[in-house]
């Protein structure tokens, strides 16, 4: 945000929020980009048949449970 403030010509004391500066500079938030990527990926795999690797991985549900507690660090702990 420091770079964005300098790009707009504002200083920290101008009391503008990050969202206001981002809207004025037309900066898309990273979270929106990630959500768009996930949505496109899901749409792509939705159209594939069930026998392809993405289709199998999409339907995969693990069986069983994980162990409770901290992972073991040494072979002797087993």
PDB file of N, CA and C in Angstrom:
ATOM      1  N   UNK A   1       0.808  -1.194   0.000  1.00  0.00           N
ATOM      2  CA  UNK A   1       0.000   0.000   0.000  1.00  0.00           C
ATOM      3  C   UNK A   1       0.850   1.257   0.000  1.00  0.00           C
ATOM      4  N   UNK A   2       2.063   1.170   0.483  1.00  0.00           N
ATOM      5  CA  UNK A   2       2.932   2.348   0.477  1.00  0.00           C
ATOM      6  C   UNK A   2       3.162   2.803  -0.956  1.00  0.00           C
ATOM      7  N   UNK A   3       3.431   1.842  -1.849  1.00  0.00           N
ATOM      8  CA  UNK A   3       3.640   2.179  -3.256  1.00  0.00           C
ATOM      9  C   UNK A   3       2.372   2.779  -3.853  1.00  0.00           C
ATOM     10  N   UNK A   4       1.221   2.233  -3.502  1.00  0.00           N
ATOM     11  CA  UNK A   4      -0.046   2.744  -4.032  1.00  0.00           C
ATOM     12  C   UNK A   4      -0.288   4.172  -3.572  1.00  0.00           C
ATOM     13  N   UNK A   5       0.009   4.449  -2.315  1.00  0.00           N
ATOM     14  CA  UNK A   5      -0.165   5.812  -1.811  1.00  0.00           C
ATOM     15  C   UNK A   5       0.769   6.774  -2.546  1.00  0.00           C
ATOM     16  N   UNK A   6       2.000   6.354  -2.780  1.00  0.00           N
ATOM     17  CA  UNK A   6       2.944   7.209  -3.485  1.00  0.00           C
ATOM     18  C   UNK A   6       2.528   7.402  -4.940  1.00  0.00           C
ATOM     19  N   UNK A   7       1.975   6.375  -5.547  1.00  0.00           N
ATOM     20  CA  UNK A   7       1.528   6.470  -6.937  1.00  0.00           C
ATOM     21  C   UNK A   7       0.398   7.481  -7.061  1.00  0.00           C
ATOM     22  N   UNK A   8      -0.492   7.480  -6.094  1.00  0.00           N
ATOM     23  CA  UNK A   8      -1.606   8.421  -6.132  1.00  0.00           C
ATOM     24  C   UNK A   8      -1.182   9.815  -5.683  1.00  0.00           C
ATOM     25  N   UNK A   9      -0.039   9.928  -5.047  1.00  0.00           N
ATOM     26  CA  UNK A   9       0.443  11.220  -4.574  1.00  0.00           C
ATOM     27  C   UNK A   9      -0.063  11.571  -3.191  1.00  0.00           C
ATOM     28  N   UNK A  10      -0.486  10.572  -2.446  1.00  0.00           N
ATOM     29  CA  UNK A  10      -0.987  10.794  -1.097  1.00  0.00           C
ATOM     30  C   UNK A  10       0.082  10.402  -0.083  1.00  0.00           C
ATOM     31  N   UNK A  11      -0.045  10.960   1.115  1.00  0.00           N
ATOM     32  CA  UNK A  11       0.829  10.561   2.202  1.00  0.00           C
ATOM     33  C   UNK A  11      -0.022   9.875   3.255  1.00  0.00           C
ATOM     34  N   UNK A  12       0.607   9.274   4.240  1.00  0.00           N
ATOM     35  CA  UNK A  12      -0.102   8.511   5.255  1.00  0.00           C
ATOM     36  C   UNK A  12      -1.076   9.380   6.051  1.00  0.00           C
ATOM     37  N   UNK A  13      -0.750  10.639   6.215  1.00  0.00           N
ATOM     38  CA  UNK A  13      -1.577  11.528   7.022  1.00  0.00           C
ATOM     39  C   UNK A  13      -2.846  11.985   6.295  1.00  0.00           C
ATOM     40  N   UNK A  14      -3.017  11.645   5.020  1.00  0.00           N
ATOM     41  CA  UNK A  14      -4.194  12.072   4.265  1.00  0.00           C
ATOM     42  C   UNK A  14      -5.448  11.314   4.666  1.00  0.00           C
ATOM     43  N   UNK A  15      -5.330  10.318   5.498  1.00  0.00           N
ATOM     44  CA  UNK A  15      -6.428   9.532   6.062  1.00  0.00           C
ATOM     45  C   UNK A  15      -7.372   8.969   5.007  1.00  0.00           C
ATOM     46  N   UNK A  16      -6.800   8.329   4.009  1.00  0.00           N
ATOM     47  CA  UNK A  16      -7.600   7.572   3.047  1.00  0.00           C
ATOM     48  C   UNK A  16      -7.392   6.098   3.333  1.00  0.00           C
ATOM     49  N   UNK A  17      -8.456   5.334   3.230  1.00  0.00           N
ATOM     50  CA  UNK A  17      -8.340   3.914   3.495  1.00  0.00           C
ATOM     51  C   UNK A  17      -7.738   3.191   2.302  1.00  0.00           C
ATOM     52  N   UNK A  18      -7.291   1.954   2.557  1.00  0.00           N
ATOM     53  CA  UNK A  18      -6.699   1.156   1.487  1.00  0.00           C
ATOM     54  C   UNK A  18      -7.712   0.863   0.392  1.00  0.00           C
ATOM     55  N   UNK A  19      -8.936   0.617   0.776  1.00  0.00           N
ATOM     56  CA  UNK A  19      -9.953   0.300  -0.230  1.00  0.00           C
ATOM     57  C   UNK A  19     -10.270   1.495  -1.114  1.00  0.00           C
ATOM     58  N   UNK A  20     -10.298   2.690  -0.543  1.00  0.00           N
ATOM     59  CA  UNK A  20     -10.538   3.898  -1.336  1.00  0.00           C
ATOM     60  C   UNK A  20      -9.423   4.126  -2.350  1.00  0.00           C
ATOM     61  N   UNK A  21      -8.185   3.948  -1.913  1.00  0.00           N
ATOM     62  CA  UNK A  21      -7.040   4.123  -2.826  1.00  0.00           C
ATOM     63  C   UNK A  21      -7.066   3.063  -3.910  1.00  0.00           C
ATOM     64  N   UNK A  22      -7.394   1.817  -3.551  1.00  0.00           N
ATOM     65  CA  UNK A  22      -7.445   0.738  -4.535  1.00  0.00           C
ATOM     66  C   UNK A  22      -8.524   0.990  -5.578  1.00  0.00           C
ATOM     67  N   UNK A  23      -9.676   1.524  -5.167  1.00  0.00           N
ATOM     68  CA  UNK A  23     -10.744   1.834  -6.120  1.00  0.00           C
ATOM     69  C   UNK A  23     -10.326   2.948  -7.077  1.00  0.00           C
ATOM     70  N   UNK A  24      -9.663   3.965  -6.555  1.00  0.00           N
ATOM     71  CA  UNK A  24      -9.237   5.081  -7.398  1.00  0.00           C
ATOM     72  C   UNK A  24      -8.175   4.658  -8.408  1.00  0.00           C
ATOM     73  N   UNK A  25      -7.298   3.712  -8.023  1.00  0.00           N
ATOM     74  CA  UNK A  25      -6.243   3.253  -8.920  1.00  0.00           C
ATOM     75  C   UNK A  25      -6.661   2.033  -9.745  1.00  0.00           C
ATOM     76  N   UNK A  26      -7.898   1.561  -9.573  1.00  0.00           N
ATOM     77  CA  UNK A  26      -8.423   0.381 -10.277  1.00  0.00           C
ATOM     78  C   UNK A  26      -7.566  -0.859 -10.041  1.00  0.00           C
ATOM     79  N   UNK A  27      -7.221  -1.097  -8.782  1.00  0.00           N
ATOM     80  CA  UNK A  27      -6.435  -2.268  -8.405  1.00  0.00           C
ATOM     81  C   UNK A  27      -7.404  -3.361  -7.971  1.00  0.00           C
ATOM     82  N   UNK A  28      -7.278  -4.536  -8.590  1.00  0.00           N
ATOM     83  CA  UNK A  28      -8.122  -5.663  -8.218  1.00  0.00           C
ATOM     84  C   UNK A  28      -7.494  -6.373  -7.029  1.00  0.00           C
ATOM     85  N   UNK A  29      -8.261  -6.637  -5.973  1.00  0.00           N
ATOM     86  CA  UNK A  29      -7.713  -7.351  -4.815  1.00  0.00           C
ATOM     87  C   UNK A  29      -7.261  -8.766  -5.190  1.00  0.00           C
ATOM     88  N   UNK A  30      -6.232  -9.243  -4.544  1.00  0.00           N
ATOM     89  CA  UNK A  30      -5.669 -10.560  -4.833  1.00  0.00           C
ATOM     90  C   UNK A  30      -6.692 -11.651  -4.549  1.00  0.00           C
ATOM     91  N   UNK A  31      -7.494 -11.480  -3.508  1.00  0.00           N
ATOM     92  CA  UNK A  31      -8.500 -12.477  -3.153  1.00  0.00           C
ATOM     93  C   UNK A  31      -9.498 -12.682  -4.289  1.00  0.00           C
ATOM     94  N   UNK A  32      -9.885 -11.597  -4.960  1.00  0.00           N
ATOM     95  CA  UNK A  32     -10.803 -11.719  -6.089  1.00  0.00           C
ATOM     96  C   UNK A  32     -10.162 -12.488  -7.236  1.00  0.00           C
ATOM     97  N   UNK A  33      -8.881 -12.266  -7.479  1.00  0.00           N
ATOM     98  CA  UNK A  33      -8.170 -12.992  -8.535  1.00  0.00           C
ATOM     99  C   UNK A  33      -8.113 -14.482  -8.225  1.00  0.00           C
ATOM    100  N   UNK A  34      -7.845 -14.838  -6.961  1.00  0.00           N
ATOM    101  CA  UNK A  34      -7.776 -16.241  -6.559  1.00  0.00           C
ATOM    102  C   UNK A  34      -9.137 -16.903  -6.707  1.00  0.00           C
ATOM    103  N   UNK A  35     -10.200 -16.216  -6.265  1.00  0.00           N
ATOM    104  CA  UNK A  35     -11.543 -16.768  -6.379  1.00  0.00           C
ATOM    105  C   UNK A  35     -11.936 -16.966  -7.839  1.00  0.00           C
ATOM    106  N   UNK A  36     -11.548 -16.044  -8.705  1.00  0.00           N
ATOM    107  CA  UNK A  36     -11.844 -16.168 -10.134  1.00  0.00           C
ATOM    108  C   UNK A  36     -11.099 -17.366 -10.729  1.00  0.00           C
ATOM    109  N   UNK A  37      -9.852 -17.566 -10.341  1.00  0.00           N
ATOM    110  CA  UNK A  37      -9.070 -18.699 -10.821  1.00  0.00           C
ATOM    111  C   UNK A  37      -9.700 -20.021 -10.387  1.00  0.00           C
ATOM    112  N   UNK A  38     -10.134 -20.109  -9.129  1.00  0.00           N
ATOM    113  CA  UNK A  38     -10.762 -21.326  -8.616  1.00  0.00           C
ATOM    114  C   UNK A  38     -12.071 -21.595  -9.352  1.00  0.00           C
ATOM    115  N   UNK A  39     -12.860 -20.555  -9.580  1.00  0.00           N
ATOM    116  CA  UNK A  39     -14.127 -20.709 -10.278  1.00  0.00           C
ATOM    117  C   UNK A  39     -13.920 -21.215 -11.699  1.00  0.00           C
ATOM    118  N   UNK A  40     -12.944 -20.659 -12.408  1.00  0.00           N
ATOM    119  CA  UNK A  40     -12.647 -21.109 -13.767  1.00  0.00           C
ATOM    120  C   UNK A  40     -12.153 -22.549 -13.776  1.00  0.00           C
ATOM    121  N   UNK A  41     -11.339 -22.909 -12.806  1.00  0.00           N
ATOM    122  CA  UNK A  41     -10.817 -24.270 -12.719  1.00  0.00           C
ATOM    123  C   UNK A  41     -11.950 -25.259 -12.471  1.00  0.00           C
ATOM    124  N   UNK A  42     -12.874 -24.923 -11.570  1.00  0.00           N
ATOM    125  CA  UNK A  42     -14.000 -25.802 -11.285  1.00  0.00           C
ATOM    126  C   UNK A  42     -14.922 -25.942 -12.492  1.00  0.00           C
ATOM    127  N   UNK A  43     -15.124 -24.859 -13.234  1.00  0.00           N
ATOM    128  CA  UNK A  43     -15.943 -24.938 -14.439  1.00  0.00           C
ATOM    129  C   UNK A  43     -15.280 -25.825 -15.484  1.00  0.00           C
ATOM    130  N   UNK A  44     -13.975 -25.761 -15.565  1.00  0.00           N
ATOM    131  CA  UNK A  44     -13.237 -26.571 -16.530  1.00  0.00           C
ATOM    132  C   UNK A  44     -13.352 -28.054 -16.186  1.00  0.00           C
ATOM    133  N   UNK A  45     -13.188 -28.398 -14.918  1.00  0.00           N
ATOM    134  CA  UNK A  45     -13.258 -29.805 -14.514  1.00  0.00           C
ATOM    135  C   UNK A  45     -14.692 -30.315 -14.503  1.00  0.00           C
ATOM    136  N   UNK A  46     -15.663 -29.430 -14.371  1.00  0.00           N
ATOM    137  CA  UNK A  46     -17.069 -29.831 -14.361  1.00  0.00           C
ATOM    138  C   UNK A  46     -17.466 -30.431 -15.718  1.00  0.00           C
ATOM    139  N   UNK A  47     -16.919 -29.911 -16.781  1.00  0.00           N
ATOM    140  CA  UNK A  47     -17.261 -30.383 -18.112  1.00  0.00           C
ATOM    141  C   UNK A  47     -16.573 -31.673 -18.503  1.00  0.00           C
ATOM    142  N   UNK A  48     -15.547 -32.096 -17.757  1.00  0.00           N
ATOM    143  CA  UNK A  48     -14.824 -33.310 -18.122  1.00  0.00           C
ATOM    144  C   UNK A  48     -15.602 -34.547 -17.701  1.00  0.00           C
ATOM    145  N   UNK A  49     -15.334 -35.648 -18.367  1.00  0.00           N
ATOM    146  CA  UNK A  49     -16.026 -36.886 -18.026  1.00  0.00           C
ATOM    147  C   UNK A  49     -15.502 -37.427 -16.700  1.00  0.00           C
ATOM    148  N   UNK A  50     -16.204 -38.402 -16.137  1.00  0.00           N
ATOM    149  CA  UNK A  50     -15.861 -38.921 -14.821  1.00  0.00           C
ATOM    150  C   UNK A  50     -14.625 -39.801 -14.814  1.00  0.00           C
ATOM    151  N   UNK A  51     -14.139 -40.243 -15.965  1.00  0.00           N
ATOM    152  CA  UNK A  51     -13.005 -41.156 -16.006  1.00  0.00           C
ATOM    153  C   UNK A  51     -11.665 -40.447 -16.140  1.00  0.00           C
ATOM    154  N   UNK A  52     -11.662 -39.132 -16.239  1.00  0.00           N
ATOM    155  CA  UNK A  52     -10.402 -38.403 -16.346  1.00  0.00           C
ATOM    156  C   UNK A  52      -9.821 -38.154 -14.958  1.00  0.00           C
ATOM    157  N   UNK A  53      -8.539 -37.859 -14.888  1.00  0.00           N
ATOM    158  CA  UNK A  53      -7.883 -37.626 -13.600  1.00  0.00           C
ATOM    159  C   UNK A  53      -8.502 -36.455 -12.835  1.00  0.00           C
ATOM    160  N   UNK A  54      -8.777 -35.289 -13.461  1.00  0.00           N
ATOM    161  CA  UNK A  54      -9.426 -34.219 -12.690  1.00  0.00           C
ATOM    162  C   UNK A  54     -10.800 -34.624 -12.151  1.00  0.00           C
ATOM    163  N   UNK A  55     -11.546 -35.406 -12.922  1.00  0.00           N
ATOM    164  CA  UNK A  55     -12.854 -35.850 -12.450  1.00  0.00           C
ATOM    165  C   UNK A  55     -12.740 -36.790 -11.266  1.00  0.00           C
ATOM    166  N   UNK A  56     -11.751 -37.683 -11.312  1.00  0.00           N
ATOM    167  CA  UNK A  56     -11.536 -38.614 -10.198  1.00  0.00           C
ATOM    168  C   UNK A  56     -11.093 -37.860  -8.950  1.00  0.00           C
ATOM    169  N   UNK A  57     -10.180 -36.906  -9.116  1.00  0.00           N
ATOM    170  CA  UNK A  57      -9.687 -36.139  -7.966  1.00  0.00           C
ATOM    171  C   UNK A  57     -10.774 -35.254  -7.367  1.00  0.00           C
ATOM    172  N   UNK A  58     -11.693 -34.790  -8.200  1.00  0.00           N
ATOM    173  CA  UNK A  58     -12.766 -33.940  -7.695  1.00  0.00           C
ATOM    174  C   UNK A  58     -13.716 -34.741  -6.801  1.00  0.00           C
ATOM    175  N   UNK A  59     -13.954 -36.008  -7.126  1.00  0.00           N
ATOM    176  CA  UNK A  59     -14.857 -36.845  -6.355  1.00  0.00           C
ATOM    177  C   UNK A  59     -14.173 -37.585  -5.211  1.00  0.00           C
ATOM    178  N   UNK A  60     -12.839 -37.514  -5.104  1.00  0.00           N
ATOM    179  CA  UNK A  60     -12.096 -38.273  -4.105  1.00  0.00           C
ATOM    180  C   UNK A  60     -12.428 -37.815  -2.690  1.00  0.00           C
ATOM    181  N   UNK A  61     -12.731 -38.757  -1.826  1.00  0.00           N
ATOM    182  CA  UNK A  61     -12.946 -38.483  -0.407  1.00  0.00           C
ATOM    183  C   UNK A  61     -12.076 -39.460   0.388  1.00  0.00           C
ATOM    184  N   UNK A  62     -11.176 -38.973   1.222  1.00  0.00           N
ATOM    185  CA  UNK A  62     -10.292 -39.870   1.970  1.00  0.00           C
ATOM    186  C   UNK A  62     -11.075 -40.726   2.967  1.00  0.00           C
ATOM    187  N   UNK A  63     -10.558 -41.908   3.214  1.00  0.00           N
ATOM    188  CA  UNK A  63     -11.174 -42.838   4.153  1.00  0.00           C
ATOM    189  C   UNK A  63     -10.341 -42.833   5.429  1.00  0.00           C
ATOM    190  N   UNK A  64     -10.991 -42.884   6.567  1.00  0.00           N
ATOM    191  CA  UNK A  64     -10.269 -42.939   7.835  1.00  0.00           C
ATOM    192  C   UNK A  64     -10.087 -41.567   8.439  1.00  0.00           C
ATOM    193  N   UNK A  65      -9.239 -41.524   9.475  1.00  0.00           N
ATOM    194  CA  UNK A  65      -8.985 -40.292  10.200  1.00  0.00           C
ATOM    195  C   UNK A  65      -7.501 -40.088  10.401  1.00  0.00           C
ATOM    196  N   UNK A  66      -7.118 -38.850  10.633  1.00  0.00           N
ATOM    197  CA  UNK A  66      -5.741 -38.541  10.971  1.00  0.00           C
ATOM    198  C   UNK A  66      -5.519 -38.777  12.454  1.00  0.00           C
ATOM    199  N   UNK A  67      -4.268 -38.982  12.830  1.00  0.00           N
ATOM    200  CA  UNK A  67      -3.922 -39.133  14.243  1.00  0.00           C
ATOM    201  C   UNK A  67      -4.000 -37.788  14.948  1.00  0.00           C
ATOM    202  N   UNK A  68      -4.348 -37.827  16.220  1.00  0.00           N
ATOM    203  CA  UNK A  68      -4.392 -36.603  17.024  1.00  0.00           C
ATOM    204  C   UNK A  68      -2.992 -36.254  17.505  1.00  0.00           C
ATOM    205  N   UNK A  69      -2.780 -34.982  17.778  1.00  0.00           N
ATOM    206  CA  UNK A  69      -1.516 -34.552  18.373  1.00  0.00           C
ATOM    207  C   UNK A  69      -0.464 -34.162  17.358  1.00  0.00           C
ATOM    208  N   UNK A  70       0.711 -33.868  17.892  1.00  0.00           N
ATOM    209  CA  UNK A  70       1.829 -33.436  17.079  1.00  0.00           C
ATOM    210  C   UNK A  70       2.400 -34.607  16.292  1.00  0.00           C
ATOM    211  N   UNK A  71       2.868 -34.376  15.055  1.00  0.00           N
ATOM    212  CA  UNK A  71       3.458 -35.460  14.291  1.00  0.00           C
ATOM    213  C   UNK A  71       4.737 -35.989  14.943  1.00  0.00           C
ATOM    214  N   UNK A  72       5.016 -37.261  14.744  1.00  0.00           N
ATOM    215  CA  UNK A  72       6.221 -37.865  15.292  1.00  0.00           C
ATOM    216  C   UNK A  72       7.445 -37.331  14.561  1.00  0.00           C
ATOM    217  N   UNK A  73       8.536 -37.107  15.309  1.00  0.00           N
ATOM    218  CA  UNK A  73       9.723 -36.518  14.710  1.00  0.00           C
ATOM    219  C   UNK A  73      10.797 -37.555  14.384  1.00  0.00           C
ATOM    220  N   UNK A  74      10.814 -38.652  15.119  1.00  0.00           N
ATOM    221  CA  UNK A  74      11.883 -39.624  14.929  1.00  0.00           C
ATOM    222  C   UNK A  74      11.298 -41.011  14.689  1.00  0.00           C
ATOM    223  N   UNK A  75      12.099 -41.861  14.104  1.00  0.00           N
ATOM    224  CA  UNK A  75      11.676 -43.223  13.886  1.00  0.00           C
ATOM    225  C   UNK A  75      11.524 -43.963  15.210  1.00  0.00           C
ATOM    226  N   UNK A  76      12.298 -43.560  16.212  1.00  0.00           N
ATOM    227  CA  UNK A  76      12.241 -44.203  17.518  1.00  0.00           C
ATOM    228  C   UNK A  76      10.933 -43.885  18.256  1.00  0.00           C
ATOM    229  N   UNK A  77      10.251 -42.808  17.882  1.00  0.00           N
ATOM    230  CA  UNK A  77       8.998 -42.438  18.530  1.00  0.00           C
ATOM    231  C   UNK A  77       7.857 -43.368  18.125  1.00  0.00           C
ATOM    232  N   UNK A  78       8.030 -44.116  17.064  1.00  0.00           N
ATOM    233  CA  UNK A  78       6.973 -44.991  16.572  1.00  0.00           C
ATOM    234  C   UNK A  78       6.908 -46.151  17.459  1.00  0.00           C
TER     235      UNK A  78
END
